[in-house]
Amino acid sequence: EDTAVYYCAGGGSSLFSTPLLTTPGFWNYWGQGTQ
């Protein structure tokens, strides 16, 4: 069940707020993914 494309995500600040960080819309940058 861990099978997936894994993506690296970069935030726009140093803010570490778990309710925000668990939301895809929070992140500013994404990698292309690795299977």
All heavy atoms as atom14 arrays in JSON, in Angstrom:
{
  "sequence": "EDTAVYYCAGGGSSLFSTPLLTTPGFWNYWGQGTQ",
  "atom14_mask": [
    [1, 1, 1, 1, 1, 1, 1, 1, 1, 0, 0, 0, 0, 0],
    [1, 1, 1, 1, 1, 1, 1, 1, 0, 0, 0, 0, 0, 0],
    [1, 1, 1, 1, 1, 1, 1, 0, 0, 0, 0, 0, 0, 0],
    [1, 1, 1, 1, 1, 0, 0, 0, 0, 0, 0, 0, 0, 0],
    [1, 1, 1, 1, 1, 1, 1, 0, 0, 0, 0, 0, 0, 0],
    [1, 1, 1, 1, 1, 1, 1, 1, 1, 1, 1, 1, 0, 0],
    [1, 1, 1, 1, 1, 1, 1, 1, 1, 1, 1, 1, 0, 0],
    [1, 1, 1, 1, 1, 1, 0, 0, 0, 0, 0, 0, 0, 0],
    [1, 1, 1, 1, 1, 0, 0, 0, 0, 0, 0, 0, 0, 0],
    [1, 1, 1, 1, 0, 0, 0, 0, 0, 0, 0, 0, 0, 0],
    [1, 1, 1, 1, 0, 0, 0, 0, 0, 0, 0, 0, 0, 0],
    [1, 1, 1, 1, 0, 0, 0, 0, 0, 0, 0, 0, 0, 0],
    [1, 1, 1, 1, 1, 1, 0, 0, 0, 0, 0, 0, 0, 0],
    [1, 1, 1, 1, 1, 1, 0, 0, 0, 0, 0, 0, 0, 0],
    [1, 1, 1, 1, 1, 1, 1, 1, 0, 0, 0, 0, 0, 0],
    [1, 1, 1, 1, 1, 1, 1, 1, 1, 1, 1, 0, 0, 0],
    [1, 1, 1, 1, 1, 1, 0, 0, 0, 0, 0, 0, 0, 0],
    [1, 1, 1, 1, 1, 1, 1, 0, 0, 0, 0, 0, 0, 0],
    [1, 1, 1, 1, 1, 1, 1, 0, 0, 0, 0, 0, 0, 0],
    [1, 1, 1, 1, 1, 1, 1, 1, 0, 0, 0, 0, 0, 0],
    [1, 1, 1, 1, 1, 1, 1, 1, 0, 0, 0, 0, 0, 0],
    [1, 1, 1, 1, 1, 1, 1, 0, 0, 0, 0, 0, 0, 0],
    [1, 1, 1, 1, 1, 1, 1, 0, 0, 0, 0, 0, 0, 0],
    [1, 1, 1, 1, 1, 1, 1, 0, 0, 0, 0, 0, 0, 0],
    [1, 1, 1, 1, 0, 0, 0, 0, 0, 0, 0, 0, 0, 0],
    [1, 1, 1, 1, 1, 1, 1, 1, 1, 1, 1, 0, 0, 0],
    [1, 1, 1, 1, 1, 1, 1, 1, 1, 1, 1, 1, 1, 1],
    [1, 1, 1, 1, 1, 1, 1, 1, 0, 0, 0, 0, 0, 0],
    [1, 1, 1, 1, 1, 1, 1, 1, 1, 1, 1, 1, 0, 0],
    [1, 1, 1, 1, 1, 1, 1, 1, 1, 1, 1, 1, 1, 1],
    [1, 1, 1, 1, 0, 0, 0, 0, 0, 0, 0, 0, 0, 0],
    [1, 1, 1, 1, 1, 1, 1, 1, 1, 0, 0, 0, 0, 0],
    [1, 1, 1, 1, 0, 0, 0, 0, 0, 0, 0, 0, 0, 0],
    [1, 1, 1, 1, 1, 1, 1, 0, 0, 0, 0, 0, 0, 0],
    [1, 1, 1, 1, 1, 1, 1, 1, 1, 0, 0, 0, 0, 0]
  ],
  "atom14_positions": [
    [[0.81, -1.22, 0.0], [0.0, 0.0, 0.0], [0.84, 1.28, 0.0], [0.3, 2.39, -0.11], [-0.97, 0.02, 1.19], [-0.35, -0.24, 2.53], [-0.47, -1.71, 2.95], [-0.25, -2.61, 2.11], [-0.76, -1.94, 4.15], [0.0, 0.0, 0.0], [0.0, 0.0, 0.0], [0.0, 0.0, 0.0], [0.0, 0.0, 0.0], [0.0, 0.0, 0.0]],
    [[2.15, 1.16, 0.13], [3.03, 2.31, -0.03], [3.34, 2.61, -1.5], [3.98, 3.62, -1.8], [4.35, 2.08, 0.71], [4.19, 1.98, 2.21], [3.41, 2.77, 2.78], [4.83, 1.09, 2.81], [0.0, 0.0, 0.0], [0.0, 0.0, 0.0], [0.0, 0.0, 0.0], [0.0, 0.0, 0.0], [0.0, 0.0, 0.0], [0.0, 0.0, 0.0]],
    [[2.89, 1.74, -2.39], [3.11, 1.95, -3.82], [2.46, 3.24, -4.28], [1.26, 3.46, -4.08], [2.56, 0.76, -4.63], [3.31, -0.41, -4.3], [2.66, 1.03, -6.12], [0.0, 0.0, 0.0], [0.0, 0.0, 0.0], [0.0, 0.0, 0.0], [0.0, 0.0, 0.0], [0.0, 0.0, 0.0], [0.0, 0.0, 0.0], [0.0, 0.0, 0.0]],
    [[3.26, 4.12, -4.89], [2.77, 5.43, -5.32], [3.9, 6.18, -6.01], [5.07, 5.75, -5.96], [2.28, 6.24, -4.13], [0.0, 0.0, 0.0], [0.0, 0.0, 0.0], [0.0, 0.0, 0.0], [0.0, 0.0, 0.0], [0.0, 0.0, 0.0], [0.0, 0.0, 0.0], [0.0, 0.0, 0.0], [0.0, 0.0, 0.0], [0.0, 0.0, 0.0]],
    [[3.55, 7.28, -6.62], [4.56, 8.25, -7.04], [4.8, 9.19, -5.86], [3.84, 9.74, -5.29], [4.1, 9.05, -8.27], [5.15, 10.1, -8.63], [3.84, 8.13, -9.45], [0.0, 0.0, 0.0], [0.0, 0.0, 0.0], [0.0, 0.0, 0.0], [0.0, 0.0, 0.0], [0.0, 0.0, 0.0], [0.0, 0.0, 0.0], [0.0, 0.0, 0.0]],
    [[6.06, 9.33, -5.49], [6.42, 10.16, -4.35], [6.95, 11.5, -4.84], [7.82, 11.55, -5.72], [7.46, 9.46, -3.49], [6.86, 8.38, -2.63], [6.37, 7.21, -3.19], [6.74, 8.54, -1.25], [5.78, 6.22, -2.41], [6.16, 7.56, -0.45], [5.68, 6.41, -1.04], [5.1, 5.44, -0.26], [0.0, 0.0, 0.0], [0.0, 0.0, 0.0]],
    [[6.42, 12.57, -4.24], [6.77, 13.92, -4.64], [7.44, 14.67, -3.5], [6.98, 14.62, -2.35], [5.53, 14.7, -5.06], [4.83, 14.16, -6.28], [3.81, 13.22, -6.17], [5.2, 14.59, -7.55], [3.16, 12.72, -7.28], [4.56, 14.1, -8.67], [3.54, 13.17, -8.54], [2.91, 12.69, -9.65], [0.0, 0.0, 0.0], [0.0, 0.0, 0.0]],
    [[8.46, 15.4, -3.84], [9.1, 16.34, -2.93], [8.37, 17.68, -3.03], [8.0, 18.1, -4.13], [10.56, 16.48, -3.36], [11.52, 17.72, -2.51], [0.0, 0.0, 0.0], [0.0, 0.0, 0.0], [0.0, 0.0, 0.0], [0.0, 0.0, 0.0], [0.0, 0.0, 0.0], [0.0, 0.0, 0.0], [0.0, 0.0, 0.0], [0.0, 0.0, 0.0]],
    [[8.15, 18.32, -1.89], [7.43, 19.59, -1.87], [8.23, 20.64, -1.12], [8.82, 20.34, -0.07], [6.07, 19.4, -1.21], [0.0, 0.0, 0.0], [0.0, 0.0, 0.0], [0.0, 0.0, 0.0], [0.0, 0.0, 0.0], [0.0, 0.0, 0.0], [0.0, 0.0, 0.0], [0.0, 0.0, 0.0], [0.0, 0.0, 0.0], [0.0, 0.0, 0.0]],
    [[8.22, 21.86, -1.63], [8.93, 22.96, -1.01], [7.98, 24.06, -0.58], [7.13, 24.49, -1.37], [0.0, 0.0, 0.0], [0.0, 0.0, 0.0], [0.0, 0.0, 0.0], [0.0, 0.0, 0.0], [0.0, 0.0, 0.0], [0.0, 0.0, 0.0], [0.0, 0.0, 0.0], [0.0, 0.0, 0.0], [0.0, 0.0, 0.0], [0.0, 0.0, 0.0]],
    [[8.12, 24.48, 0.66], [7.27, 25.55, 1.16], [7.79, 26.93, 0.78], [8.9, 27.08, 0.3], [0.0, 0.0, 0.0], [0.0, 0.0, 0.0], [0.0, 0.0, 0.0], [0.0, 0.0, 0.0], [0.0, 0.0, 0.0], [0.0, 0.0, 0.0], [0.0, 0.0, 0.0], [0.0, 0.0, 0.0], [0.0, 0.0, 0.0], [0.0, 0.0, 0.0]],
    [[6.98, 27.95, 1.05], [7.35, 29.32, 0.74], [7.94, 30.08, 1.89], [8.28, 31.26, 1.76], [0.0, 0.0, 0.0], [0.0, 0.0, 0.0], [0.0, 0.0, 0.0], [0.0, 0.0, 0.0], [0.0, 0.0, 0.0], [0.0, 0.0, 0.0], [0.0, 0.0, 0.0], [0.0, 0.0, 0.0], [0.0, 0.0, 0.0], [0.0, 0.0, 0.0]],
    [[8.09, 29.41, 3.04], [8.64, 30.06, 4.22], [9.16, 29.0, 5.17], [9.15, 27.81, 4.83], [7.56, 30.91, 4.91], [6.6, 30.07, 5.54], [0.0, 0.0, 0.0], [0.0, 0.0, 0.0], [0.0, 0.0, 0.0], [0.0, 0.0, 0.0], [0.0, 0.0, 0.0], [0.0, 0.0, 0.0], [0.0, 0.0, 0.0], [0.0, 0.0, 0.0]],
    [[9.57, 29.43, 6.36], [10.0, 28.48, 7.38], [8.86, 28.09, 8.31], [9.07, 27.32, 9.25], [11.13, 29.11, 8.21], [10.67, 30.28, 8.86], [0.0, 0.0, 0.0], [0.0, 0.0, 0.0], [0.0, 0.0, 0.0], [0.0, 0.0, 0.0], [0.0, 0.0, 0.0], [0.0, 0.0, 0.0], [0.0, 0.0, 0.0], [0.0, 0.0, 0.0]],
    [[7.66, 28.58, 8.03], [6.51, 28.29, 8.88], [6.29, 26.8, 9.0], [6.14, 26.11, 7.98], [5.27, 28.97, 8.31], [3.96, 28.69, 9.05], [4.0, 29.27, 10.45], [2.77, 29.23, 8.26], [0.0, 0.0, 0.0], [0.0, 0.0, 0.0], [0.0, 0.0, 0.0], [0.0, 0.0, 0.0], [0.0, 0.0, 0.0], [0.0, 0.0, 0.0]],
    [[6.25, 26.3, 10.24], [6.04, 24.87, 10.46], [4.74, 24.72, 11.23], [4.73, 24.7, 12.47], [7.22, 24.28, 11.24], [7.21, 22.79, 11.29], [7.54, 22.03, 10.18], [6.87, 22.11, 12.45], [7.53, 20.64, 10.21], [6.86, 20.73, 12.51], [7.2, 20.0, 11.38], [0.0, 0.0, 0.0], [0.0, 0.0, 0.0], [0.0, 0.0, 0.0]],
    [[3.66, 24.62, 10.49], [2.33, 24.48, 11.07], [1.7, 23.23, 10.49], [1.37, 23.19, 9.3], [1.48, 25.71, 10.73], [0.12, 25.48, 11.04], [0.0, 0.0, 0.0], [0.0, 0.0, 0.0], [0.0, 0.0, 0.0], [0.0, 0.0, 0.0], [0.0, 0.0, 0.0], [0.0, 0.0, 0.0], [0.0, 0.0, 0.0], [0.0, 0.0, 0.0]],
    [[1.57, 22.19, 11.3], [1.15, 20.9, 10.75], [-0.22, 20.94, 10.08], [-0.41, 20.23, 9.08], [1.2, 19.81, 11.82], [0.52, 20.23, 12.99], [2.66, 19.54, 12.2], [0.0, 0.0, 0.0], [0.0, 0.0, 0.0], [0.0, 0.0, 0.0], [0.0, 0.0, 0.0], [0.0, 0.0, 0.0], [0.0, 0.0, 0.0], [0.0, 0.0, 0.0]],
    [[-1.2, 21.69, 10.55], [-2.46, 21.71, 9.79], [-2.28, 22.23, 8.37], [-2.95, 21.76, 7.45], [-3.35, 22.66, 10.61], [-2.8, 22.58, 11.99], [-1.32, 22.43, 11.8], [0.0, 0.0, 0.0], [0.0, 0.0, 0.0], [0.0, 0.0, 0.0], [0.0, 0.0, 0.0], [0.0, 0.0, 0.0], [0.0, 0.0, 0.0], [0.0, 0.0, 0.0]],
    [[-1.38, 23.18, 8.19], [-1.13, 23.69, 6.84], [-0.27, 22.74, 6.03], [-0.53, 22.52, 4.85], [-0.44, 25.06, 6.92], [-1.25, 26.21, 7.51], [-0.39, 27.45, 7.62], [-2.47, 26.49, 6.66], [0.0, 0.0, 0.0], [0.0, 0.0, 0.0], [0.0, 0.0, 0.0], [0.0, 0.0, 0.0], [0.0, 0.0, 0.0], [0.0, 0.0, 0.0]],
    [[0.73, 22.17, 6.66], [1.7, 21.36, 5.93], [1.11, 20.06, 5.4], [1.65, 19.47, 4.48], [2.89, 21.05, 6.84], [3.71, 22.27, 7.23], [4.69, 21.91, 8.35], [4.46, 22.82, 6.05], [0.0, 0.0, 0.0], [0.0, 0.0, 0.0], [0.0, 0.0, 0.0], [0.0, 0.0, 0.0], [0.0, 0.0, 0.0], [0.0, 0.0, 0.0]],
    [[0.0, 19.63, 5.96], [-0.64, 18.41, 5.49], [-1.62, 18.68, 4.35], [-2.31, 17.76, 3.9], [-1.37, 17.7, 6.63], [-2.33, 18.6, 7.19], [-0.4, 17.27, 7.72], [0.0, 0.0, 0.0], [0.0, 0.0, 0.0], [0.0, 0.0, 0.0], [0.0, 0.0, 0.0], [0.0, 0.0, 0.0], [0.0, 0.0, 0.0], [0.0, 0.0, 0.0]],
    [[-1.66, 19.91, 3.88], [-2.56, 20.3, 2.8], [-1.76, 20.56, 1.54], [-0.88, 21.41, 1.52], [-3.32, 21.58, 3.18], [-4.0, 21.38, 4.42], [-4.31, 21.97, 2.11], [0.0, 0.0, 0.0], [0.0, 0.0, 0.0], [0.0, 0.0, 0.0], [0.0, 0.0, 0.0], [0.0, 0.0, 0.0], [0.0, 0.0, 0.0], [0.0, 0.0, 0.0]],
    [[-2.03, 19.85, 0.45], [-1.25, 20.05, -0.78], [-1.21, 21.5, -1.25], [-0.19, 21.95, -1.77], [-1.97, 19.15, -1.8], [-2.58, 18.08, -0.97], [-3.02, 18.77, 0.3], [0.0, 0.0, 0.0], [0.0, 0.0, 0.0], [0.0, 0.0, 0.0], [0.0, 0.0, 0.0], [0.0, 0.0, 0.0], [0.0, 0.0, 0.0], [0.0, 0.0, 0.0]],
    [[-2.29, 22.24, -1.05], [-2.35, 23.62, -1.52], [-1.39, 24.56, -0.83], [-1.15, 25.68, -1.32], [0.0, 0.0, 0.0], [0.0, 0.0, 0.0], [0.0, 0.0, 0.0], [0.0, 0.0, 0.0], [0.0, 0.0, 0.0], [0.0, 0.0, 0.0], [0.0, 0.0, 0.0], [0.0, 0.0, 0.0], [0.0, 0.0, 0.0], [0.0, 0.0, 0.0]],
    [[-0.83, 24.15, 0.3], [0.1, 25.01, 1.04], [1.44, 25.16, 0.32], [2.11, 26.17, 0.43], [0.35, 24.4, 2.42], [1.48, 25.03, 3.19], [1.29, 26.2, 3.89], [2.74, 24.46, 3.19], [2.34, 26.8, 4.59], [3.79, 25.03, 3.89], [3.59, 26.2, 4.58], [0.0, 0.0, 0.0], [0.0, 0.0, 0.0], [0.0, 0.0, 0.0]],
    [[1.82, 24.13, -0.42], [3.19, 24.06, -0.93], [3.37, 24.87, -2.21], [2.53, 24.85, -3.09], [3.55, 22.6, -1.17], [3.48, 21.84, 0.13], [2.39, 21.2, 0.65], [4.53, 21.69, 1.08], [2.71, 20.66, 1.87], [4.0, 20.94, 2.16], [5.85, 22.11, 1.14], [4.77, 20.61, 3.28], [6.62, 21.78, 2.24], [6.08, 21.04, 3.3]],
    [[4.52, 25.51, -2.31], [4.81, 26.38, -3.45], [5.47, 25.65, -4.61], [5.29, 26.04, -5.77], [5.73, 27.52, -3.02], [5.06, 28.46, -2.06], [4.7, 28.08, -0.95], [4.87, 29.71, -2.47], [0.0, 0.0, 0.0], [0.0, 0.0, 0.0], [0.0, 0.0, 0.0], [0.0, 0.0, 0.0], [0.0, 0.0, 0.0], [0.0, 0.0, 0.0]],
    [[6.24, 24.63, -4.29], [7.04, 23.97, -5.34], [6.92, 22.46, -5.21], [6.85, 21.92, -4.1], [8.51, 24.4, -5.23], [8.72, 25.88, -5.29], [8.94, 26.62, -4.15], [8.67, 26.54, -6.52], [9.11, 27.99, -4.21], [8.84, 27.92, -6.59], [9.05, 28.63, -5.44], [9.22, 29.99, -5.5], [0.0, 0.0, 0.0], [0.0, 0.0, 0.0]],
    [[6.97, 21.81, -6.37], [6.87, 20.34, -6.44], [7.93, 19.79, -7.38], [8.24, 20.41, -8.42], [5.5, 19.92, -6.95], [4.37, 20.28, -6.04], [3.63, 21.42, -6.06], [3.88, 19.5, -4.95], [2.69, 21.39, -5.05], [2.81, 20.22, -4.36], [4.2, 18.24, -4.41], [2.1, 19.75, -3.26], [3.49, 17.77, -3.33], [2.46, 18.51, -2.76]],
    [[8.42, 18.61, -7.03], [9.29, 17.89, -7.96], [8.45, 17.13, -8.97], [7.21, 17.18, -8.95], [0.0, 0.0, 0.0], [0.0, 0.0, 0.0], [0.0, 0.0, 0.0], [0.0, 0.0, 0.0], [0.0, 0.0, 0.0], [0.0, 0.0, 0.0], [0.0, 0.0, 0.0], [0.0, 0.0, 0.0], [0.0, 0.0, 0.0], [0.0, 0.0, 0.0]],
    [[9.13, 16.42, -9.84], [8.45, 15.69, -10.91], [7.93, 14.34, -10.43], [7.13, 13.71, -11.12], [9.39, 15.51, -12.11], [10.35, 14.33, -12.01], [11.48, 14.54, -11.0], [11.67, 15.62, -10.44], [12.25, 13.48, -10.76], [0.0, 0.0, 0.0], [0.0, 0.0, 0.0], [0.0, 0.0, 0.0], [0.0, 0.0, 0.0], [0.0, 0.0, 0.0]],
    [[8.4, 13.89, -9.29], [7.95, 12.62, -8.74], [8.86, 11.46, -9.08], [9.53, 11.45, -10.12], [0.0, 0.0, 0.0], [0.0, 0.0, 0.0], [0.0, 0.0, 0.0], [0.0, 0.0, 0.0], [0.0, 0.0, 0.0], [0.0, 0.0, 0.0], [0.0, 0.0, 0.0], [0.0, 0.0, 0.0], [0.0, 0.0, 0.0], [0.0, 0.0, 0.0]],
    [[8.88, 10.46, -8.2], [9.63, 9.22, -8.43], [8.74, 8.05, -8.02], [8.09, 8.08, -6.97], [10.96, 9.24, -7.67], [11.74, 8.08, -8.03], [10.78, 9.27, -6.16], [0.0, 0.0, 0.0], [0.0, 0.0, 0.0], [0.0, 0.0, 0.0], [0.0, 0.0, 0.0], [0.0, 0.0, 0.0], [0.0, 0.0, 0.0], [0.0, 0.0, 0.0]],
    [[8.72, 7.03, -8.86], [7.81, 5.89, -8.63], [8.42, 4.93, -7.61], [9.58, 4.52, -7.73], [7.57, 5.16, -9.95], [6.72, 3.9, -9.82], [5.28, 4.21, -9.51], [4.66, 5.07, -10.13], [4.71, 3.49, -8.54], [0.0, 0.0, 0.0], [0.0, 0.0, 0.0], [0.0, 0.0, 0.0], [0.0, 0.0, 0.0], [0.0, 0.0, 0.0]]
  ]
}
